[in-house]
Amino acid sequence: MQQTQSQNASNQQPIMMQPPQVITTKDHLYLKDQLSWELIAMKKCQHFAQECQDAEIRQAIDRAGQMHQRHYNLLLKHLKHDNTSAMNQVRQLQQQQQMQPS
């Protein structure tokens, strides 16, 4: 069992400290889905916190909703980056590399 855990740990990708300069179409679609999931989770937390009778549980649900809202806002901030100019730079580099003899 421990061998499996160490194999899984070595197969994980490194954590990015900053978002990439370019967001691919696949990444964009994933982020769009993630925004939807965060928004739904935030709304569900808000609804169930209002329905809850126990103040302690209501506060825990509210904190979870606030966490989902922070995640939503962070993703939205990353998506506001001007991806068009960065993608044009990538295309230019790719074209230059194709023109160079191997």
PDB file of N, CA and C in Angstrom:
ATOM      1  N   MET A   1       0.824  -1.189   0.000  1.00  0.00           N
ATOM      2  CA  MET A   1       0.000   0.000   0.000  1.00  0.00           C
ATOM      3  C   MET A   1       0.871   1.257   0.000  1.00  0.00           C
ATOM      4  N   GLN A   2       1.916   1.250   0.807  1.00  0.00           N
ATOM      5  CA  GLN A   2       2.788   2.398   0.869  1.00  0.00           C
ATOM      6  C   GLN A   2       3.517   2.620  -0.451  1.00  0.00           C
ATOM      7  N   GLN A   3       3.830   1.538  -1.145  1.00  0.00           N
ATOM      8  CA  GLN A   3       4.498   1.651  -2.440  1.00  0.00           C
ATOM      9  C   GLN A   3       3.576   2.357  -3.436  1.00  0.00           C
ATOM     10  N   THR A   4       2.286   2.038  -3.402  1.00  0.00           N
ATOM     11  CA  THR A   4       1.312   2.678  -4.295  1.00  0.00           C
ATOM     12  C   THR A   4       1.228   4.168  -4.009  1.00  0.00           C
ATOM     13  N   GLN A   5       1.223   4.541  -2.738  1.00  0.00           N
ATOM     14  CA  GLN A   5       1.152   5.951  -2.381  1.00  0.00           C
ATOM     15  C   GLN A   5       2.389   6.702  -2.860  1.00  0.00           C
ATOM     16  N   SER A   6       3.563   6.111  -2.720  1.00  0.00           N
ATOM     17  CA  SER A   6       4.774   6.794  -3.167  1.00  0.00           C
ATOM     18  C   SER A   6       4.820   6.902  -4.691  1.00  0.00           C
ATOM     19  N   GLN A   7       4.274   5.903  -5.395  1.00  0.00           N
ATOM     20  CA  GLN A   7       4.217   5.979  -6.856  1.00  0.00           C
ATOM     21  C   GLN A   7       3.278   7.088  -7.286  1.00  0.00           C
ATOM     22  N   ASN A   8       2.125   7.218  -6.619  1.00  0.00           N
ATOM     23  CA  ASN A   8       1.179   8.278  -6.956  1.00  0.00           C
ATOM     24  C   ASN A   8       1.782   9.651  -6.701  1.00  0.00           C
ATOM     25  N   ALA A   9       2.531   9.778  -5.612  1.00  0.00           N
ATOM     26  CA  ALA A   9       3.150  11.063  -5.288  1.00  0.00           C
ATOM     27  C   ALA A   9       4.194  11.443  -6.335  1.00  0.00           C
ATOM     28  N   SER A  10       4.934  10.463  -6.845  1.00  0.00           N
ATOM     29  CA  SER A  10       5.959  10.783  -7.843  1.00  0.00           C
ATOM     30  C   SER A  10       5.368  11.063  -9.218  1.00  0.00           C
ATOM     31  N   ASN A  11       4.132  10.638  -9.471  1.00  0.00           N
ATOM     32  CA  ASN A  11       3.490  10.854 -10.764  1.00  0.00           C
ATOM     33  C   ASN A  11       2.753  12.192 -10.841  1.00  0.00           C
ATOM     34  N   GLN A  12       2.642  12.908  -9.731  1.00  0.00           N
ATOM     35  CA  GLN A  12       1.911  14.167  -9.728  1.00  0.00           C
ATOM     36  C   GLN A  12       2.718  15.259 -10.396  1.00  0.00           C
ATOM     37  N   GLN A  13       1.995  16.166 -11.058  1.00  0.00           N
ATOM     38  CA  GLN A  13       2.647  17.295 -11.706  1.00  0.00           C
ATOM     39  C   GLN A  13       2.995  18.334 -10.651  1.00  0.00           C
ATOM     40  N   PRO A  14       4.037  19.131 -10.893  1.00  0.00           N
ATOM     41  CA  PRO A  14       4.395  20.169  -9.924  1.00  0.00           C
ATOM     42  C   PRO A  14       3.310  21.244  -9.869  1.00  0.00           C
ATOM     43  N   ILE A  15       3.178  21.878  -8.738  1.00  0.00           N
ATOM     44  CA  ILE A  15       2.181  22.934  -8.554  1.00  0.00           C
ATOM     45  C   ILE A  15       2.711  24.216  -9.180  1.00  0.00           C
ATOM     46  N   MET A  16       1.860  24.870  -9.977  1.00  0.00           N
ATOM     47  CA  MET A  16       2.243  26.127 -10.615  1.00  0.00           C
ATOM     48  C   MET A  16       1.982  27.267  -9.631  1.00  0.00           C
ATOM     49  N   MET A  17       2.978  28.097  -9.433  1.00  0.00           N
ATOM     50  CA  MET A  17       2.832  29.218  -8.512  1.00  0.00           C
ATOM     51  C   MET A  17       2.139  30.407  -9.178  1.00  0.00           C
ATOM     52  N   GLN A  18       2.194  30.484 -10.502  1.00  0.00           N
ATOM     53  CA  GLN A  18       1.538  31.538 -11.265  1.00  0.00           C
ATOM     54  C   GLN A  18       0.816  30.898 -12.438  1.00  0.00           C
ATOM     55  N   PRO A  19      -0.279  31.504 -12.884  1.00  0.00           N
ATOM     56  CA  PRO A  19      -0.955  30.954 -14.051  1.00  0.00           C
ATOM     57  C   PRO A  19      -0.078  31.104 -15.294  1.00  0.00           C
ATOM     58  N   PRO A  20      -0.246  30.241 -16.289  1.00  0.00           N
ATOM     59  CA  PRO A  20       0.557  30.352 -17.511  1.00  0.00           C
ATOM     60  C   PRO A  20       0.214  31.624 -18.277  1.00  0.00           C
ATOM     61  N   GLN A  21       1.146  32.058 -19.134  1.00  0.00           N
ATOM     62  CA  GLN A  21       0.932  33.264 -19.925  1.00  0.00           C
ATOM     63  C   GLN A  21      -0.141  33.051 -20.996  1.00  0.00           C
ATOM     64  N   VAL A  22      -0.325  31.814 -21.420  1.00  0.00           N
ATOM     65  CA  VAL A  22      -1.280  31.483 -22.475  1.00  0.00           C
ATOM     66  C   VAL A  22      -2.253  30.433 -21.946  1.00  0.00           C
ATOM     67  N   ILE A  23      -3.515  30.642 -22.237  1.00  0.00           N
ATOM     68  CA  ILE A  23      -4.534  29.671 -21.864  1.00  0.00           C
ATOM     69  C   ILE A  23      -5.006  28.999 -23.142  1.00  0.00           C
ATOM     70  N   THR A  24      -4.830  27.688 -23.218  1.00  0.00           N
ATOM     71  CA  THR A  24      -5.257  26.960 -24.410  1.00  0.00           C
ATOM     72  C   THR A  24      -6.776  26.858 -24.432  1.00  0.00           C
ATOM     73  N   THR A  25      -7.306  26.458 -25.569  1.00  0.00           N
ATOM     74  CA  THR A  25      -8.757  26.278 -25.687  1.00  0.00           C
ATOM     75  C   THR A  25      -9.252  25.239 -24.697  1.00  0.00           C
ATOM     76  N   LYS A  26      -8.511  24.154 -24.562  1.00  0.00           N
ATOM     77  CA  LYS A  26      -8.893  23.094 -23.613  1.00  0.00           C
ATOM     78  C   LYS A  26      -8.895  23.632 -22.185  1.00  0.00           C
ATOM     79  N   ASP A  27      -7.860  24.394 -21.829  1.00  0.00           N
ATOM     80  CA  ASP A  27      -7.799  24.994 -20.496  1.00  0.00           C
ATOM     81  C   ASP A  27      -8.970  25.954 -20.282  1.00  0.00           C
ATOM     82  N   HIS A  28      -9.260  26.747 -21.305  1.00  0.00           N
ATOM     83  CA  HIS A  28     -10.349  27.723 -21.211  1.00  0.00           C
ATOM     84  C   HIS A  28     -11.679  27.022 -20.953  1.00  0.00           C
ATOM     85  N   LEU A  29     -11.929  25.937 -21.669  1.00  0.00           N
ATOM     86  CA  LEU A  29     -13.180  25.195 -21.478  1.00  0.00           C
ATOM     87  C   LEU A  29     -13.242  24.577 -20.086  1.00  0.00           C
ATOM     88  N   TYR A  30     -12.111  24.061 -19.604  1.00  0.00           N
ATOM     89  CA  TYR A  30     -12.075  23.499 -18.253  1.00  0.00           C
ATOM     90  C   TYR A  30     -12.354  24.595 -17.225  1.00  0.00           C
ATOM     91  N   LEU A  31     -11.729  25.758 -17.388  1.00  0.00           N
ATOM     92  CA  LEU A  31     -11.936  26.853 -16.436  1.00  0.00           C
ATOM     93  C   LEU A  31     -13.384  27.338 -16.457  1.00  0.00           C
ATOM     94  N   LYS A  32     -13.969  27.341 -17.636  1.00  0.00           N
ATOM     95  CA  LYS A  32     -15.374  27.737 -17.759  1.00  0.00           C
ATOM     96  C   LYS A  32     -16.268  26.760 -16.989  1.00  0.00           C
ATOM     97  N   ASP A  33     -15.998  25.461 -17.126  1.00  0.00           N
ATOM     98  CA  ASP A  33     -16.734  24.453 -16.365  1.00  0.00           C
ATOM     99  C   ASP A  33     -16.524  24.651 -14.873  1.00  0.00           C
ATOM    100  N   GLN A  34     -15.278  24.893 -14.484  1.00  0.00           N
ATOM    101  CA  GLN A  34     -14.967  25.069 -13.069  1.00  0.00           C
ATOM    102  C   GLN A  34     -15.690  26.284 -12.503  1.00  0.00           C
ATOM    103  N   LEU A  35     -15.779  27.360 -13.282  1.00  0.00           N
ATOM    104  CA  LEU A  35     -16.537  28.538 -12.848  1.00  0.00           C
ATOM    105  C   LEU A  35     -17.998  28.172 -12.586  1.00  0.00           C
ATOM    106  N   SER A  36     -18.568  27.379 -13.473  1.00  0.00           N
ATOM    107  CA  SER A  36     -19.958  26.956 -13.295  1.00  0.00           C
ATOM    108  C   SER A  36     -20.118  26.123 -12.032  1.00  0.00           C
ATOM    109  N   TRP A  37     -19.172  25.201 -11.802  1.00  0.00           N
ATOM    110  CA  TRP A  37     -19.252  24.347 -10.605  1.00  0.00           C
ATOM    111  C   TRP A  37     -19.127  25.175  -9.332  1.00  0.00           C
ATOM    112  N   GLU A  38     -18.216  26.142  -9.339  1.00  0.00           N
ATOM    113  CA  GLU A  38     -18.037  26.994  -8.159  1.00  0.00           C
ATOM    114  C   GLU A  38     -19.284  27.833  -7.912  1.00  0.00           C
ATOM    115  N   LEU A  39     -19.880  28.356  -8.968  1.00  0.00           N
ATOM    116  CA  LEU A  39     -21.082  29.167  -8.827  1.00  0.00           C
ATOM    117  C   LEU A  39     -22.239  28.337  -8.275  1.00  0.00           C
ATOM    118  N   ILE A  40     -22.406  27.131  -8.794  1.00  0.00           N
ATOM    119  CA  ILE A  40     -23.464  26.247  -8.303  1.00  0.00           C
ATOM    120  C   ILE A  40     -23.237  25.905  -6.831  1.00  0.00           C
ATOM    121  N   ALA A  41     -21.997  25.569  -6.477  1.00  0.00           N
ATOM    122  CA  ALA A  41     -21.687  25.227  -5.082  1.00  0.00           C
ATOM    123  C   ALA A  41     -21.959  26.418  -4.166  1.00  0.00           C
ATOM    124  N   MET A  42     -21.599  27.620  -4.622  1.00  0.00           N
ATOM    125  CA  MET A  42     -21.825  28.827  -3.840  1.00  0.00           C
ATOM    126  C   MET A  42     -23.326  29.041  -3.609  1.00  0.00           C
ATOM    127  N   LYS A  43     -24.121  28.874  -4.660  1.00  0.00           N
ATOM    128  CA  LYS A  43     -25.573  29.051  -4.543  1.00  0.00           C
ATOM    129  C   LYS A  43     -26.203  27.991  -3.647  1.00  0.00           C
ATOM    130  N   LYS A  44     -25.727  26.748  -3.756  1.00  0.00           N
ATOM    131  CA  LYS A  44     -26.254  25.684  -2.897  1.00  0.00           C
ATOM    132  C   LYS A  44     -25.936  25.968  -1.433  1.00  0.00           C
ATOM    133  N   CYS A  45     -24.728  26.425  -1.170  1.00  0.00           N
ATOM    134  CA  CYS A  45     -24.363  26.751   0.209  1.00  0.00           C
ATOM    135  C   CYS A  45     -25.250  27.869   0.754  1.00  0.00           C
ATOM    136  N   GLN A  46     -25.476  28.875  -0.068  1.00  0.00           N
ATOM    137  CA  GLN A  46     -26.323  29.991   0.357  1.00  0.00           C
ATOM    138  C   GLN A  46     -27.741  29.485   0.669  1.00  0.00           C
ATOM    139  N   HIS A  47     -28.280  28.647  -0.204  1.00  0.00           N
ATOM    140  CA  HIS A  47     -29.627  28.118  -0.004  1.00  0.00           C
ATOM    141  C   HIS A  47     -29.717  27.279   1.271  1.00  0.00           C
ATOM    142  N   PHE A  48     -28.788  26.335   1.427  1.00  0.00           N
ATOM    143  CA  PHE A  48     -28.865  25.431   2.569  1.00  0.00           C
ATOM    144  C   PHE A  48     -28.530  26.131   3.880  1.00  0.00           C
ATOM    145  N   ALA A  49     -27.704  27.177   3.837  1.00  0.00           N
ATOM    146  CA  ALA A  49     -27.442  27.949   5.053  1.00  0.00           C
ATOM    147  C   ALA A  49     -28.719  28.654   5.514  1.00  0.00           C
ATOM    148  N   GLN A  50     -29.509  29.143   4.561  1.00  0.00           N
ATOM    149  CA  GLN A  50     -30.769  29.801   4.915  1.00  0.00           C
ATOM    150  C   GLN A  50     -31.789  28.805   5.475  1.00  0.00           C
ATOM    151  N   GLU A  51     -31.737  27.571   5.004  1.00  0.00           N
ATOM    152  CA  GLU A  51     -32.673  26.541   5.453  1.00  0.00           C
ATOM    153  C   GLU A  51     -32.287  25.941   6.804  1.00  0.00           C
ATOM    154  N   CYS A  52     -31.039  26.096   7.191  1.00  0.00           N
ATOM    155  CA  CYS A  52     -30.504  25.427   8.373  1.00  0.00           C
ATOM    156  C   CYS A  52     -30.999  26.082   9.662  1.00  0.00           C
ATOM    157  N   GLN A  53     -31.376  25.254  10.643  1.00  0.00           N
ATOM    158  CA  GLN A  53     -31.843  25.738  11.949  1.00  0.00           C
ATOM    159  C   GLN A  53     -30.688  25.919  12.937  1.00  0.00           C
ATOM    160  N   ASP A  54     -29.670  25.093  12.832  1.00  0.00           N
ATOM    161  CA  ASP A  54     -28.535  25.101  13.757  1.00  0.00           C
ATOM    162  C   ASP A  54     -27.542  26.189  13.342  1.00  0.00           C
ATOM    163  N   ALA A  55     -27.277  27.141  14.250  1.00  0.00           N
ATOM    164  CA  ALA A  55     -26.414  28.286  13.939  1.00  0.00           C
ATOM    165  C   ALA A  55     -24.984  27.850  13.611  1.00  0.00           C
ATOM    166  N   GLU A  56     -24.473  26.848  14.317  1.00  0.00           N
ATOM    167  CA  GLU A  56     -23.107  26.391  14.083  1.00  0.00           C
ATOM    168  C   GLU A  56     -22.964  25.771  12.695  1.00  0.00           C
ATOM    169  N   ILE A  57     -23.929  24.968  12.315  1.00  0.00           N
ATOM    170  CA  ILE A  57     -23.910  24.350  10.982  1.00  0.00           C
ATOM    171  C   ILE A  57     -24.105  25.421   9.917  1.00  0.00           C
ATOM    172  N   ARG A  58     -24.983  26.392  10.175  1.00  0.00           N
ATOM    173  CA  ARG A  58     -25.222  27.483   9.224  1.00  0.00           C
ATOM    174  C   ARG A  58     -23.919  28.243   8.963  1.00  0.00           C
ATOM    175  N   GLN A  59     -23.155  28.514  10.020  1.00  0.00           N
ATOM    176  CA  GLN A  59     -21.879  29.221   9.867  1.00  0.00           C
ATOM    177  C   GLN A  59     -20.884  28.392   9.054  1.00  0.00           C
ATOM    178  N   ALA A  60     -20.854  27.084   9.296  1.00  0.00           N
ATOM    179  CA  ALA A  60     -19.941  26.211   8.539  1.00  0.00           C
ATOM    180  C   ALA A  60     -20.312  26.210   7.059  1.00  0.00           C
ATOM    181  N   ILE A  61     -21.611  26.160   6.775  1.00  0.00           N
ATOM    182  CA  ILE A  61     -22.066  26.180   5.378  1.00  0.00           C
ATOM    183  C   ILE A  61     -21.757  27.538   4.745  1.00  0.00           C
ATOM    184  N   ASP A  62     -21.937  28.614   5.509  1.00  0.00           N
ATOM    185  CA  ASP A  62     -21.604  29.963   5.010  1.00  0.00           C
ATOM    186  C   ASP A  62     -20.121  30.073   4.672  1.00  0.00           C
ATOM    187  N   ARG A  63     -19.263  29.527   5.533  1.00  0.00           N
ATOM    188  CA  ARG A  63     -17.820  29.564   5.267  1.00  0.00           C
ATOM    189  C   ARG A  63     -17.487  28.786   3.993  1.00  0.00           C
ATOM    190  N   ALA A  64     -18.154  27.647   3.800  1.00  0.00           N
ATOM    191  CA  ALA A  64     -17.931  26.862   2.571  1.00  0.00           C
ATOM    192  C   ALA A  64     -18.374  27.675   1.352  1.00  0.00           C
ATOM    193  N   GLY A  65     -19.496  28.362   1.455  1.00  0.00           N
ATOM    194  CA  GLY A  65     -19.974  29.203   0.354  1.00  0.00           C
ATOM    195  C   GLY A  65     -19.017  30.336   0.046  1.00  0.00           C
ATOM    196  N   GLN A  66     -18.436  30.941   1.102  1.00  0.00           N
ATOM    197  CA  GLN A  66     -17.462  32.017   0.906  1.00  0.00           C
ATOM    198  C   GLN A  66     -16.197  31.489   0.231  1.00  0.00           C
ATOM    199  N   MET A  67     -15.805  30.266   0.590  1.00  0.00           N
ATOM    200  CA  MET A  67     -14.639  29.651  -0.051  1.00  0.00           C
ATOM    201  C   MET A  67     -14.899  29.471  -1.545  1.00  0.00           C
ATOM    202  N   HIS A  68     -16.094  28.969  -1.900  1.00  0.00           N
ATOM    203  CA  HIS A  68     -16.431  28.787  -3.310  1.00  0.00           C
ATOM    204  C   HIS A  68     -16.473  30.137  -4.034  1.00  0.00           C
ATOM    205  N   GLN A  69     -16.935  31.180  -3.364  1.00  0.00           N
ATOM    206  CA  GLN A  69     -16.960  32.506  -3.984  1.00  0.00           C
ATOM    207  C   GLN A  69     -15.542  33.017  -4.225  1.00  0.00           C
ATOM    208  N   ARG A  70     -14.626  32.789  -3.268  1.00  0.00           N
ATOM    209  CA  ARG A  70     -13.228  33.197  -3.464  1.00  0.00           C
ATOM    210  C   ARG A  70     -12.615  32.452  -4.650  1.00  0.00           C
ATOM    211  N   HIS A  71     -12.888  31.155  -4.749  1.00  0.00           N
ATOM    212  CA  HIS A  71     -12.361  30.369  -5.865  1.00  0.00           C
ATOM    213  C   HIS A  71     -12.917  30.889  -7.192  1.00  0.00           C
ATOM    214  N   TYR A  72     -14.211  31.201  -7.213  1.00  0.00           N
ATOM    215  CA  TYR A  72     -14.856  31.727  -8.420  1.00  0.00           C
ATOM    216  C   TYR A  72     -14.175  33.036  -8.849  1.00  0.00           C
ATOM    217  N   ASN A  73     -13.988  33.945  -7.882  1.00  0.00           N
ATOM    218  CA  ASN A  73     -13.381  35.243  -8.197  1.00  0.00           C
ATOM    219  C   ASN A  73     -11.942  35.099  -8.661  1.00  0.00           C
ATOM    220  N   LEU A  74     -11.203  34.168  -8.076  1.00  0.00           N
ATOM    221  CA  LEU A  74      -9.820  33.951  -8.486  1.00  0.00           C
ATOM    222  C   LEU A  74      -9.750  33.414  -9.913  1.00  0.00           C
ATOM    223  N   LEU A  75     -10.600  32.448 -10.234  1.00  0.00           N
ATOM    224  CA  LEU A  75     -10.637  31.916 -11.600  1.00  0.00           C
ATOM    225  C   LEU A  75     -11.025  33.009 -12.594  1.00  0.00           C
ATOM    226  N   LEU A  76     -12.001  33.802 -12.227  1.00  0.00           N
ATOM    227  CA  LEU A  76     -12.448  34.886 -13.103  1.00  0.00           C
ATOM    228  C   LEU A  76     -11.319  35.888 -13.348  1.00  0.00           C
ATOM    229  N   LYS A  77     -10.544  36.176 -12.309  1.00  0.00           N
ATOM    230  CA  LYS A  77      -9.403  37.089 -12.441  1.00  0.00           C
ATOM    231  C   LYS A  77      -8.384  36.529 -13.438  1.00  0.00           C
ATOM    232  N   HIS A  78      -8.125  35.235 -13.369  1.00  0.00           N
ATOM    233  CA  HIS A  78      -7.175  34.628 -14.297  1.00  0.00           C
ATOM    234  C   HIS A  78      -7.700  34.649 -15.727  1.00  0.00           C
ATOM    235  N   LEU A  79      -9.001  34.526 -15.903  1.00  0.00           N
ATOM    236  CA  LEU A  79      -9.572  34.520 -17.244  1.00  0.00           C
ATOM    237  C   LEU A  79      -9.619  35.906 -17.868  1.00  0.00           C
ATOM    238  N   LYS A  80      -9.530  36.955 -17.071  1.00  0.00           N
ATOM    239  CA  LYS A  80      -9.562  38.315 -17.610  1.00  0.00           C
ATOM    240  C   LYS A  80      -8.254  38.696 -18.292  1.00  0.00           C
ATOM    241  N   HIS A  81      -7.241  37.865 -18.172  1.00  0.00           N
ATOM    242  CA  HIS A  81      -5.944  38.096 -18.820  1.00  0.00           C
ATOM    243  C   HIS A  81      -6.144  38.146 -20.331  1.00  0.00           C
ATOM    244  N   ASP A  82      -5.426  39.034 -21.018  1.00  0.00           N
ATOM    245  CA  ASP A  82      -5.542  39.156 -22.472  1.00  0.00           C
ATOM    246  C   ASP A  82      -4.839  37.975 -23.136  1.00  0.00           C
ATOM    247  N   ASN A  83      -5.598  36.961 -23.427  1.00  0.00           N
ATOM    248  CA  ASN A  83      -5.054  35.730 -23.982  1.00  0.00           C
ATOM    249  C   ASN A  83      -4.756  35.851 -25.476  1.00  0.00           C
ATOM    250  N   THR A  84      -5.424  36.738 -26.177  1.00  0.00           N
ATOM    251  CA  THR A  84      -5.279  36.847 -27.627  1.00  0.00           C
ATOM    252  C   THR A  84      -3.856  37.230 -28.023  1.00  0.00           C
ATOM    253  N   SER A  85      -3.314  38.251 -27.379  1.00  0.00           N
ATOM    254  CA  SER A  85      -1.960  38.684 -27.754  1.00  0.00           C
ATOM    255  C   SER A  85      -0.931  37.618 -27.404  1.00  0.00           C
ATOM    256  N   ALA A  86      -1.114  36.930 -26.276  1.00  0.00           N
ATOM    257  CA  ALA A  86      -0.183  35.864 -25.892  1.00  0.00           C
ATOM    258  C   ALA A  86      -0.254  34.708 -26.889  1.00  0.00           C
ATOM    259  N   MET A  87      -1.443  34.352 -27.335  1.00  0.00           N
ATOM    260  CA  MET A  87      -1.593  33.269 -28.316  1.00  0.00           C
ATOM    261  C   MET A  87      -0.953  33.660 -29.644  1.00  0.00           C
ATOM    262  N   ASN A  88      -1.072  34.927 -30.046  1.00  0.00           N
ATOM    263  CA  ASN A  88      -0.434  35.388 -31.287  1.00  0.00           C
ATOM    264  C   ASN A  88       1.085  35.261 -31.202  1.00  0.00           C
ATOM    265  N   GLN A  89       1.641  35.553 -30.049  1.00  0.00           N
ATOM    266  CA  GLN A  89       3.088  35.406 -29.858  1.00  0.00           C
ATOM    267  C   GLN A  89       3.499  33.940 -29.976  1.00  0.00           C
ATOM    268  N   VAL A  90       2.701  33.054 -29.416  1.00  0.00           N
ATOM    269  CA  VAL A  90       3.001  31.617 -29.499  1.00  0.00           C
ATOM    270  C   VAL A  90       2.962  31.164 -30.954  1.00  0.00           C
ATOM    271  N   ARG A  91       1.972  31.605 -31.705  1.00  0.00           N
ATOM    272  CA  ARG A  91       1.854  31.225 -33.119  1.00  0.00           C
ATOM    273  C   ARG A  91       3.057  31.730 -33.920  1.00  0.00           C
ATOM    274  N   GLN A  92       3.481  32.957 -33.630  1.00  0.00           N
ATOM    275  CA  GLN A  92       4.647  33.510 -34.335  1.00  0.00           C
ATOM    276  C   GLN A  92       5.892  32.682 -34.040  1.00  0.00           C
ATOM    277  N   LEU A  93       6.086  32.303 -32.792  1.00  0.00           N
ATOM    278  CA  LEU A  93       7.241  31.476 -32.428  1.00  0.00           C
ATOM    279  C   LEU A  93       7.189  30.124 -33.124  1.00  0.00           C
ATOM    280  N   GLN A  94       6.003  29.545 -33.186  1.00  0.00           N
ATOM    281  CA  GLN A  94       5.848  28.247 -33.853  1.00  0.00           C
ATOM    282  C   GLN A  94       6.169  28.363 -35.341  1.00  0.00           C
ATOM    283  N   GLN A  95       5.702  29.434 -35.967  1.00  0.00           N
ATOM    284  CA  GLN A  95       5.984  29.629 -37.392  1.00  0.00           C
ATOM    285  C   GLN A  95       7.480  29.835 -37.638  1.00  0.00           C
ATOM    286  N   GLN A  96       8.129  30.556 -36.754  1.00  0.00           N
ATOM    287  CA  GLN A  96       9.569  30.780 -36.899  1.00  0.00           C
ATOM    288  C   GLN A  96      10.324  29.471 -36.740  1.00  0.00           C
ATOM    289  N   GLN A  97       9.891  28.643 -35.812  1.00  0.00           N
ATOM    290  CA  GLN A  97      10.555  27.346 -35.617  1.00  0.00           C
ATOM    291  C   GLN A  97      10.343  26.427 -36.805  1.00  0.00           C
ATOM    292  N   GLN A  98       9.192  26.505 -37.445  1.00  0.00           N
ATOM    293  CA  GLN A  98       8.921  25.662 -38.625  1.00  0.00           C
ATOM    294  C   GLN A  98       9.760  26.099 -39.809  1.00  0.00           C
ATOM    295  N   MET A  99      10.056  27.380 -39.885  1.00  0.00           N
ATOM    296  CA  MET A  99      10.848  27.900 -41.007  1.00  0.00           C
ATOM    297  C   MET A  99      12.326  27.562 -40.876  1.00  0.00           C
ATOM    298  N   GLN A 100      12.795  27.373 -39.651  1.00  0.00           N
ATOM    299  CA  GLN A 100      14.205  27.067 -39.437  1.00  0.00           C
ATOM    300  C   GLN A 100      14.492  25.634 -39.857  1.00  0.00           C
ATOM    301  N   PRO A 101      15.634  25.429 -40.545  1.00  0.00           N
ATOM    302  CA  PRO A 101      15.988  24.057 -40.940  1.00  0.00           C
ATOM    303  C   PRO A 101      16.323  23.218 -39.701  1.00  0.00           C
ATOM    304  N   SER A 102      15.959  21.960 -39.756  1.00  0.00           N
ATOM    305  CA  SER A 102      16.191  21.066 -38.619  1.00  0.00           C
ATOM    306  C   SER A 102      17.603  20.623 -38.510  1.00  0.00           C
TER     307      SER A 102
END
